[in-house]
Amino acid sequence: MLDKIIATFCILDDLLHILHHRNDPQAKITDSEILTIAILACQEFGGNMRKALQWVKALHLFSFVPSESRFNRRLHRLMPLLHALAPPRRAVWEALQTCTAYALDTFPMPVCENIRANRCRIAPEKAFRGYRASHRDYFHGVKVHLLVASGGFIVEFWLTPGSWHDLTGLYGMALDIPCGCALMMDRGYTDYVAEDLLREAEGLEVYPVRRETSVRYAGCRQYLAVVKRRFVESVGSCLHSLLPRRVHAVT
C-alpha cells in the first residue's frame, strides 16, 4: 500500500506541475497531498475520509495532517482541479497504449439503504429511486454511465438519477472516441437515430446488444457485442468492490 501511495503522490504532483498549479504559500500541506489522501480514502477505506486521515496521521506519511474540517474545505476547493487533471491523464495513457475498442455501460450506485430512502438528504428527490432489472430490486441513488477502453481505462463517465433511462446518459456524454474505433453498447442504449449519427458523423463502428425481436438484430454482430464488451463489466465490478457495503453518510 505504501508503494501505491507514493506512486499516486508522485503522479499527482507531476500533473499539477504540468498544469502550472501553485500552492498557497501559507498552507502547511500541499494540494497534491490533499488529493492523495482523498484517493487513498476511496481506494482503501470505501470513501471514508476520517479513516484515511487517521491512518495517514498514525503512520506519519506527511509532515502535517489537517483536521477533518480543514481537509473537507481544501478538498471542495480542489474539485474543479480534478476535472482539469483528466485530459493530461488520458494523454499519458494514450501515449502508452493504443486502443481501438470502447464499451459503454451503466451500473447503479446507491447512496443509502432502501429503508432510509424517504428521509435521505443526499438525494431527497424521488427521481433517484431506480430499479435494477438484473437483481430484480430497487435502489436509491445514481446511475454511473462508464465509457471504458479495452485496456480498462475509464475514458469518460456521467452520473444520472436512478430512475432516468440509460439513453439520457448516451445523450449527455461527449463520447470523445477516435474515428474508426468500435463502440459496444448495452441494450439499454438502443436508439437507431443515435447509432446512425455515430456512424455517419463520428465514423464509429457501433455494436449494440439487441433483443431478438429488434428490427436490426444480427446474430454475428450480437455475438461480437456480447463478447467484446466484457471488459467494461470487469471495470464496473472493480469499482463496485471499492464502494462500502453500507453507506453511513447522512448529509
C-alpha atoms as a PDB file:
ATOM      1  CA  MET A   1       0.000   0.000   0.000  1.00  0.00           C
ATOM      2  CA  LEU A   2       2.845   2.397   0.734  1.00  0.00           C
ATOM      3  CA  ASP A   3       4.225   1.977  -2.784  1.00  0.00           C
ATOM      4  CA  LYS A   4       0.783   2.766  -4.216  1.00  0.00           C
ATOM      5  CA  ILE A   5       0.521   5.919  -2.087  1.00  0.00           C
ATOM      6  CA  ILE A   6       3.979   7.112  -3.127  1.00  0.00           C
ATOM      7  CA  ALA A   7       3.216   6.460  -6.801  1.00  0.00           C
ATOM      8  CA  THR A   8      -0.114   8.291  -6.532  1.00  0.00           C
ATOM      9  CA  PHE A   9       1.511  11.299  -4.890  1.00  0.00           C
ATOM     10  CA  CYS A  10       4.284  11.475  -7.496  1.00  0.00           C
ATOM     11  CA  ILE A  11       1.842  11.251 -10.416  1.00  0.00           C
ATOM     12  CA  LEU A  12      -0.461  13.915  -8.958  1.00  0.00           C
ATOM     13  CA  ASP A  13       2.431  16.222  -8.150  1.00  0.00           C
ATOM     14  CA  ASP A  14       3.832  15.928 -11.682  1.00  0.00           C
ATOM     15  CA  LEU A  15       0.397  16.545 -13.245  1.00  0.00           C
ATOM     16  CA  LEU A  16      -0.091  19.653 -11.123  1.00  0.00           C
ATOM     17  CA  HIS A  17       3.310  20.935 -12.242  1.00  0.00           C
ATOM     18  CA  ILE A  18       2.276  20.347 -15.869  1.00  0.00           C
ATOM     19  CA  LEU A  19      -0.857  22.443 -15.282  1.00  0.00           C
ATOM     20  CA  HIS A  20       1.315  25.177 -13.654  1.00  0.00           C
ATOM     21  CA  HIS A  21      -0.655  24.906 -10.439  1.00  0.00           C
ATOM     22  CA  ARG A  22       0.693  26.851  -7.471  1.00  0.00           C
ATOM     23  CA  ASN A  23       0.086  26.013  -3.840  1.00  0.00           C
ATOM     24  CA  ASP A  24      -0.883  28.612  -1.285  1.00  0.00           C
ATOM     25  CA  PRO A  25       2.351  29.738   0.423  1.00  0.00           C
ATOM     26  CA  GLN A  26       0.555  29.824   3.787  1.00  0.00           C
ATOM     27  CA  ALA A  27      -0.692  26.226   3.522  1.00  0.00           C
ATOM     28  CA  LYS A  28       1.071  23.640   5.681  1.00  0.00           C
ATOM     29  CA  ILE A  29       0.101  20.791   3.315  1.00  0.00           C
ATOM     30  CA  THR A  30       0.224  20.863  -0.474  1.00  0.00           C
ATOM     31  CA  ASP A  31      -2.710  20.264  -2.794  1.00  0.00           C
ATOM     32  CA  SER A  32      -1.136  17.096  -4.151  1.00  0.00           C
ATOM     33  CA  GLU A  33      -1.046  15.663  -0.616  1.00  0.00           C
ATOM     34  CA  ILE A  34      -4.737  16.539  -0.110  1.00  0.00           C
ATOM     35  CA  LEU A  35      -5.664  14.749  -3.336  1.00  0.00           C
ATOM     36  CA  THR A  36      -3.502  11.760  -2.378  1.00  0.00           C
ATOM     37  CA  ILE A  37      -5.353  11.358   0.929  1.00  0.00           C
ATOM     38  CA  ALA A  38      -8.705  11.604  -0.872  1.00  0.00           C
ATOM     39  CA  ILE A  39      -7.716   8.932  -3.412  1.00  0.00           C
ATOM     40  CA  LEU A  40      -6.384   6.741  -0.593  1.00  0.00           C
ATOM     41  CA  ALA A  41      -9.759   7.016   1.161  1.00  0.00           C
ATOM     42  CA  CYS A  42     -11.600   5.964  -1.998  1.00  0.00           C
ATOM     43  CA  GLN A  43      -9.300   3.030  -2.757  1.00  0.00           C
ATOM     44  CA  GLU A  44      -8.751   1.545   0.689  1.00  0.00           C
ATOM     45  CA  PHE A  45     -11.434   2.855   3.081  1.00  0.00           C
ATOM     46  CA  GLY A  46     -14.611   2.930   0.991  1.00  0.00           C
ATOM     47  CA  GLY A  47     -14.589   6.715   0.702  1.00  0.00           C
ATOM     48  CA  ASN A  48     -14.302   7.287   4.473  1.00  0.00           C
ATOM     49  CA  MET A  49     -12.097  10.385   4.707  1.00  0.00           C
ATOM     50  CA  ARG A  50     -11.937  10.228   8.506  1.00  0.00           C
ATOM     51  CA  LYS A  51     -10.323   6.783   8.499  1.00  0.00           C
ATOM     52  CA  ALA A  52      -7.847   7.862   5.804  1.00  0.00           C
ATOM     53  CA  LEU A  53      -6.798  10.902   7.828  1.00  0.00           C
ATOM     54  CA  GLN A  54      -6.346   8.802  10.961  1.00  0.00           C
ATOM     55  CA  TRP A  55      -4.327   6.190   9.060  1.00  0.00           C
ATOM     56  CA  VAL A  56      -2.046   8.783   7.436  1.00  0.00           C
ATOM     57  CA  LYS A  57      -1.532  10.544  10.764  1.00  0.00           C
ATOM     58  CA  ALA A  58      -0.715   7.294  12.575  1.00  0.00           C
ATOM     59  CA  LEU A  59       1.947   6.308  10.032  1.00  0.00           C
ATOM     60  CA  HIS A  60       3.394   9.860   9.740  1.00  0.00           C
ATOM     61  CA  LEU A  61       3.274   9.740   5.944  1.00  0.00           C
ATOM     62  CA  PHE A  62       3.131  13.533   5.641  1.00  0.00           C
ATOM     63  CA  SER A  63       4.732  16.217   7.745  1.00  0.00           C
ATOM     64  CA  PHE A  64       1.360  17.778   8.559  1.00  0.00           C
ATOM     65  CA  VAL A  65      -2.149  16.273   8.554  1.00  0.00           C
ATOM     66  CA  PRO A  66      -5.039  18.761   8.708  1.00  0.00           C
ATOM     67  CA  SER A  67      -8.210  18.390  10.735  1.00  0.00           C
ATOM     68  CA  GLU A  68     -11.347  16.917   9.210  1.00  0.00           C
ATOM     69  CA  SER A  69     -12.987  20.312   8.741  1.00  0.00           C
ATOM     70  CA  ARG A  70      -9.929  21.879   7.101  1.00  0.00           C
ATOM     71  CA  PHE A  71      -9.434  18.824   4.894  1.00  0.00           C
ATOM     72  CA  ASN A  72     -13.046  18.977   3.654  1.00  0.00           C
ATOM     73  CA  ARG A  73     -12.758  22.677   2.816  1.00  0.00           C
ATOM     74  CA  ARG A  74      -9.499  22.149   0.948  1.00  0.00           C
ATOM     75  CA  LEU A  75     -10.896  19.148  -0.931  1.00  0.00           C
ATOM     76  CA  HIS A  76     -14.050  21.008  -2.031  1.00  0.00           C
ATOM     77  CA  ARG A  77     -11.923  23.839  -3.401  1.00  0.00           C
ATOM     78  CA  LEU A  78      -9.868  21.333  -5.392  1.00  0.00           C
ATOM     79  CA  MET A  79     -12.852  19.627  -7.051  1.00  0.00           C
ATOM     80  CA  PRO A  80     -12.562  21.723 -10.290  1.00  0.00           C
ATOM     81  CA  LEU A  81      -8.889  20.761 -10.396  1.00  0.00           C
ATOM     82  CA  LEU A  82      -9.785  17.062 -10.546  1.00  0.00           C
ATOM     83  CA  HIS A  83     -11.674  17.661 -13.792  1.00  0.00           C
ATOM     84  CA  ALA A  84      -8.677  19.539 -15.194  1.00  0.00           C
ATOM     85  CA  LEU A  85      -6.427  16.540 -14.445  1.00  0.00           C
ATOM     86  CA  ALA A  86      -8.457  14.229 -16.707  1.00  0.00           C
ATOM     87  CA  PRO A  87      -7.122  15.401 -20.143  1.00  0.00           C
ATOM     88  CA  PRO A  88      -3.393  15.091 -19.303  1.00  0.00           C
ATOM     89  CA  ARG A  89      -4.029  11.736 -17.593  1.00  0.00           C
ATOM     90  CA  ARG A  90      -5.749  10.445 -20.723  1.00  0.00           C
ATOM     91  CA  ALA A  91      -2.971  11.814 -22.942  1.00  0.00           C
ATOM     92  CA  VAL A  92      -0.383   9.880 -20.928  1.00  0.00           C
ATOM     93  CA  TRP A  93      -2.457   6.706 -21.192  1.00  0.00           C
ATOM     94  CA  GLU A  94      -2.939   7.056 -24.975  1.00  0.00           C
ATOM     95  CA  ALA A  95       0.804   7.526 -25.399  1.00  0.00           C
ATOM     96  CA  LEU A  96       1.461   4.261 -23.557  1.00  0.00           C
ATOM     97  CA  GLN A  97      -1.259   2.101 -25.123  1.00  0.00           C
ATOM     98  CA  THR A  98      -3.247   2.242 -28.357  1.00  0.00           C
ATOM     99  CA  CYS A  99      -6.908   1.239 -28.239  1.00  0.00           C
ATOM    100  CA  THR A 100      -9.425   0.547 -30.999  1.00  0.00           C
ATOM    101  CA  ALA A 101     -12.387  -0.733 -28.938  1.00  0.00           C
ATOM    102  CA  TYR A 102     -14.540   1.074 -26.396  1.00  0.00           C
ATOM    103  CA  ALA A 103     -17.563  -0.044 -24.388  1.00  0.00           C
ATOM    104  CA  LEU A 104     -20.401   1.907 -22.796  1.00  0.00           C
ATOM    105  CA  ASP A 105     -22.286   0.513 -19.816  1.00  0.00           C
ATOM    106  CA  THR A 106     -24.124   1.626 -16.699  1.00  0.00           C
ATOM    107  CA  PHE A 107     -24.297   0.318 -13.150  1.00  0.00           C
ATOM    108  CA  PRO A 108     -26.210   1.555 -10.064  1.00  0.00           C
ATOM    109  CA  MET A 109     -24.549   3.263  -7.124  1.00  0.00           C
ATOM    110  CA  PRO A 110     -26.864   3.528  -4.090  1.00  0.00           C
ATOM    111  CA  VAL A 111     -26.325   6.360  -1.630  1.00  0.00           C
ATOM    112  CA  CYS A 112     -28.330   4.844   1.245  1.00  0.00           C
ATOM    113  CA  GLU A 113     -30.324   1.809   2.246  1.00  0.00           C
ATOM    114  CA  ASN A 114     -33.829   1.408   0.841  1.00  0.00           C
ATOM    115  CA  ILE A 115     -35.406   1.782   4.258  1.00  0.00           C
ATOM    116  CA  ARG A 116     -33.857   5.276   4.600  1.00  0.00           C
ATOM    117  CA  ALA A 117     -34.845   6.477   1.125  1.00  0.00           C
ATOM    118  CA  ASN A 118     -37.736   8.644   2.366  1.00  0.00           C
ATOM    119  CA  ARG A 119     -35.522  10.663   4.732  1.00  0.00           C
ATOM    120  CA  CYS A 120     -32.286  10.685   2.716  1.00  0.00           C
ATOM    121  CA  ARG A 121     -30.841  14.197   2.498  1.00  0.00           C
ATOM    122  CA  ILE A 122     -28.108  13.335  -0.011  1.00  0.00           C
ATOM    123  CA  ALA A 123     -30.673  12.574  -2.729  1.00  0.00           C
ATOM    124  CA  PRO A 124     -34.119  13.647  -1.477  1.00  0.00           C
ATOM    125  CA  GLU A 125     -35.958  13.572  -4.834  1.00  0.00           C
ATOM    126  CA  LYS A 126     -37.987  10.585  -5.963  1.00  0.00           C
ATOM    127  CA  ALA A 127     -36.096  10.609  -9.278  1.00  0.00           C
ATOM    128  CA  PHE A 128     -33.207   8.837  -7.530  1.00  0.00           C
ATOM    129  CA  ARG A 129     -35.397   5.786  -6.879  1.00  0.00           C
ATOM    130  CA  GLY A 130     -34.291   3.320  -9.567  1.00  0.00           C
ATOM    131  CA  TYR A 131     -34.833  -0.311 -10.466  1.00  0.00           C
ATOM    132  CA  ARG A 132     -32.161  -2.938 -11.166  1.00  0.00           C
ATOM    133  CA  ALA A 133     -33.513  -5.479 -13.620  1.00  0.00           C
ATOM    134  CA  SER A 134     -30.558  -7.837 -13.168  1.00  0.00           C
ATOM    135  CA  HIS A 135     -31.114  -8.106  -9.391  1.00  0.00           C
ATOM    136  CA  ARG A 136     -34.883  -7.528  -9.533  1.00  0.00           C
ATOM    137  CA  ASP A 137     -34.805  -4.966  -6.760  1.00  0.00           C
ATOM    138  CA  TYR A 138     -34.941  -1.222  -6.213  1.00  0.00           C
ATOM    139  CA  PHE A 139     -32.151   1.101  -5.122  1.00  0.00           C
ATOM    140  CA  HIS A 140     -31.911   4.742  -4.079  1.00  0.00           C
ATOM    141  CA  GLY A 141     -29.025   6.554  -5.698  1.00  0.00           C
ATOM    142  CA  VAL A 142     -27.500   7.378  -9.059  1.00  0.00           C
ATOM    143  CA  LYS A 143     -26.589   5.569 -12.248  1.00  0.00           C
ATOM    144  CA  VAL A 144     -22.971   5.651 -13.378  1.00  0.00           C
ATOM    145  CA  HIS A 145     -22.501   5.627 -17.141  1.00  0.00           C
ATOM    146  CA  LEU A 146     -18.977   4.452 -17.981  1.00  0.00           C
ATOM    147  CA  LEU A 147     -17.091   4.737 -21.245  1.00  0.00           C
ATOM    148  CA  VAL A 148     -14.188   2.315 -20.888  1.00  0.00           C
ATOM    149  CA  ALA A 149     -11.375   1.468 -23.296  1.00  0.00           C
ATOM    150  CA  SER A 150     -10.340  -2.119 -23.939  1.00  0.00           C
ATOM    151  CA  GLY A 151      -7.292  -1.686 -21.692  1.00  0.00           C
ATOM    152  CA  GLY A 152      -9.520  -0.951 -18.698  1.00  0.00           C
ATOM    153  CA  PHE A 153      -9.007   2.829 -18.728  1.00  0.00           C
ATOM    154  CA  ILE A 154     -12.114   4.889 -17.856  1.00  0.00           C
ATOM    155  CA  VAL A 155     -12.289   7.490 -20.604  1.00  0.00           C
ATOM    156  CA  GLU A 156     -15.487   9.241 -19.557  1.00  0.00           C
ATOM    157  CA  PHE A 157     -18.308   8.930 -17.017  1.00  0.00           C
ATOM    158  CA  TRP A 158     -21.694  10.533 -16.439  1.00  0.00           C
ATOM    159  CA  LEU A 159     -23.999  10.468 -13.412  1.00  0.00           C
ATOM    160  CA  THR A 160     -27.798  10.469 -13.702  1.00  0.00           C
ATOM    161  CA  PRO A 161     -30.599   9.830 -11.163  1.00  0.00           C
ATOM    162  CA  GLY A 162     -31.507   6.204 -10.701  1.00  0.00           C
ATOM    163  CA  SER A 163     -34.911   6.392 -12.365  1.00  0.00           C
ATOM    164  CA  TRP A 164     -33.665   8.036 -15.574  1.00  0.00           C
ATOM    165  CA  HIS A 165     -33.364   5.945 -18.713  1.00  0.00           C
ATOM    166  CA  ASP A 166     -29.947   4.855 -19.974  1.00  0.00           C
ATOM    167  CA  LEU A 167     -30.385   6.908 -23.151  1.00  0.00           C
ATOM    168  CA  THR A 168     -30.088  10.124 -21.120  1.00  0.00           C
ATOM    169  CA  GLY A 169     -26.519   9.125 -20.354  1.00  0.00           C
ATOM    170  CA  LEU A 170     -25.850   8.483 -24.033  1.00  0.00           C
ATOM    171  CA  TYR A 171     -27.204  11.921 -24.971  1.00  0.00           C
ATOM    172  CA  GLY A 172     -25.297  13.685 -22.191  1.00  0.00           C
ATOM    173  CA  MET A 173     -21.842  12.175 -22.750  1.00  0.00           C
ATOM    174  CA  ALA A 174     -19.348  13.717 -25.154  1.00  0.00           C
ATOM    175  CA  LEU A 175     -18.072  10.305 -26.397  1.00  0.00           C
ATOM    176  CA  ASP A 176     -14.618  11.570 -27.324  1.00  0.00           C
ATOM    177  CA  ILE A 177     -13.580   8.474 -29.298  1.00  0.00           C
ATOM    178  CA  PRO A 178     -11.114   8.419 -32.231  1.00  0.00           C
ATOM    179  CA  CYS A 179     -12.612   7.913 -35.664  1.00  0.00           C
ATOM    180  CA  GLY A 180     -12.706   4.311 -36.869  1.00  0.00           C
ATOM    181  CA  CYS A 181     -12.912   2.705 -33.419  1.00  0.00           C
ATOM    182  CA  ALA A 182     -15.550   0.189 -32.322  1.00  0.00           C
ATOM    183  CA  LEU A 183     -18.131   1.089 -29.685  1.00  0.00           C
ATOM    184  CA  MET A 184     -20.022  -1.671 -27.834  1.00  0.00           C
ATOM    185  CA  MET A 185     -23.222  -0.659 -26.062  1.00  0.00           C
ATOM    186  CA  ASP A 186     -25.750  -2.383 -23.815  1.00  0.00           C
ATOM    187  CA  ARG A 187     -29.345  -2.985 -24.895  1.00  0.00           C
ATOM    188  CA  GLY A 188     -30.451  -0.069 -22.736  1.00  0.00           C
ATOM    189  CA  TYR A 189     -28.774   2.331 -25.175  1.00  0.00           C
ATOM    190  CA  THR A 190     -30.830   1.190 -28.171  1.00  0.00           C
ATOM    191  CA  ASP A 191     -31.579   4.216 -30.359  1.00  0.00           C
ATOM    192  CA  TYR A 192     -31.425   3.849 -34.136  1.00  0.00           C
ATOM    193  CA  VAL A 193     -31.077   7.601 -34.764  1.00  0.00           C
ATOM    194  CA  ALA A 194     -28.141   7.931 -32.337  1.00  0.00           C
ATOM    195  CA  GLU A 195     -26.455   4.866 -33.858  1.00  0.00           C
ATOM    196  CA  ASP A 196     -26.750   6.294 -37.372  1.00  0.00           C
ATOM    197  CA  LEU A 197     -25.349   9.636 -36.218  1.00  0.00           C
ATOM    198  CA  LEU A 198     -22.386   7.956 -34.532  1.00  0.00           C
ATOM    199  CA  ARG A 199     -21.632   6.018 -37.707  1.00  0.00           C
ATOM    200  CA  GLU A 200     -22.008   8.919 -40.135  1.00  0.00           C
ATOM    201  CA  ALA A 201     -20.765  11.911 -38.135  1.00  0.00           C
ATOM    202  CA  GLU A 202     -18.174  10.317 -35.841  1.00  0.00           C
ATOM    203  CA  GLY A 203     -17.086   7.418 -38.054  1.00  0.00           C
ATOM    204  CA  LEU A 204     -17.585   4.823 -35.297  1.00  0.00           C
ATOM    205  CA  GLU A 205     -18.454   1.162 -35.740  1.00  0.00           C
ATOM    206  CA  VAL A 206     -21.329   0.627 -33.322  1.00  0.00           C
ATOM    207  CA  TYR A 207     -22.047  -2.845 -31.879  1.00  0.00           C
ATOM    208  CA  PRO A 208     -25.169  -2.626 -29.678  1.00  0.00           C
ATOM    209  CA  VAL A 209     -26.591  -5.583 -27.796  1.00  0.00           C
ATOM    210  CA  ARG A 210     -30.109  -6.066 -29.153  1.00  0.00           C
ATOM    211  CA  ARG A 211     -33.145  -8.130 -28.334  1.00  0.00           C
ATOM    212  CA  GLU A 212     -34.119 -10.900 -30.702  1.00  0.00           C
ATOM    213  CA  THR A 213     -37.323  -9.054 -31.603  1.00  0.00           C
ATOM    214  CA  SER A 214     -35.364  -5.978 -32.706  1.00  0.00           C
ATOM    215  CA  VAL A 215     -35.599  -4.840 -36.321  1.00  0.00           C
ATOM    216  CA  ARG A 216     -31.810  -4.580 -36.714  1.00  0.00           C
ATOM    217  CA  TYR A 217     -30.981  -7.804 -34.909  1.00  0.00           C
ATOM    218  CA  ALA A 218     -27.982  -9.663 -36.426  1.00  0.00           C
ATOM    219  CA  GLY A 219     -26.548 -12.821 -34.901  1.00  0.00           C
ATOM    220  CA  CYS A 220     -22.893 -12.218 -35.800  1.00  0.00           C
ATOM    221  CA  ARG A 221     -22.849  -8.612 -34.549  1.00  0.00           C
ATOM    222  CA  GLN A 222     -24.747  -9.704 -31.454  1.00  0.00           C
ATOM    223  CA  TYR A 223     -22.012 -12.223 -30.617  1.00  0.00           C
ATOM    224  CA  LEU A 224     -19.253  -9.635 -31.102  1.00  0.00           C
ATOM    225  CA  ALA A 225     -21.094  -7.095 -28.954  1.00  0.00           C
ATOM    226  CA  VAL A 226     -21.614  -9.554 -26.089  1.00  0.00           C
ATOM    227  CA  VAL A 227     -18.086 -10.980 -26.109  1.00  0.00           C
ATOM    228  CA  LYS A 228     -16.075  -7.799 -26.690  1.00  0.00           C
ATOM    229  CA  ARG A 229     -17.819  -5.710 -24.040  1.00  0.00           C
ATOM    230  CA  ARG A 230     -16.929  -7.926 -21.088  1.00  0.00           C
ATOM    231  CA  PHE A 231     -14.033  -5.700 -20.032  1.00  0.00           C
ATOM    232  CA  VAL A 232     -16.434  -2.883 -19.119  1.00  0.00           C
ATOM    233  CA  GLU A 233     -18.293  -5.260 -16.795  1.00  0.00           C
ATOM    234  CA  SER A 234     -14.971  -6.141 -15.140  1.00  0.00           C
ATOM    235  CA  VAL A 235     -14.243  -2.448 -14.591  1.00  0.00           C
ATOM    236  CA  GLY A 236     -17.710  -1.933 -13.139  1.00  0.00           C
ATOM    237  CA  SER A 237     -17.257  -4.827 -10.711  1.00  0.00           C
ATOM    238  CA  CYS A 238     -13.877  -3.423  -9.627  1.00  0.00           C
ATOM    239  CA  LEU A 239     -15.471  -0.047  -8.930  1.00  0.00           C
ATOM    240  CA  HIS A 240     -18.318  -1.719  -7.070  1.00  0.00           C
ATOM    241  CA  SER A 241     -15.813  -3.557  -4.853  1.00  0.00           C
ATOM    242  CA  LEU A 242     -14.341  -0.195  -3.800  1.00  0.00           C
ATOM    243  CA  LEU A 243     -17.714   1.020  -2.534  1.00  0.00           C
ATOM    244  CA  PRO A 244     -18.643   0.328   1.098  1.00  0.00           C
ATOM    245  CA  ARG A 245     -21.254  -2.313   1.826  1.00  0.00           C
ATOM    246  CA  ARG A 246     -23.204   0.151   3.933  1.00  0.00           C
ATOM    247  CA  VAL A 247     -23.261   3.904   3.388  1.00  0.00           C
ATOM    248  CA  HIS A 248     -23.243   5.719   6.740  1.00  0.00           C
ATOM    249  CA  ALA A 249     -23.190   9.261   5.311  1.00  0.00           C
ATOM    250  CA  VAL A 250     -26.178  11.387   6.344  1.00  0.00           C
ATOM    251  CA  THR A 251     -25.581  14.710   4.571  1.00  0.00           C
END
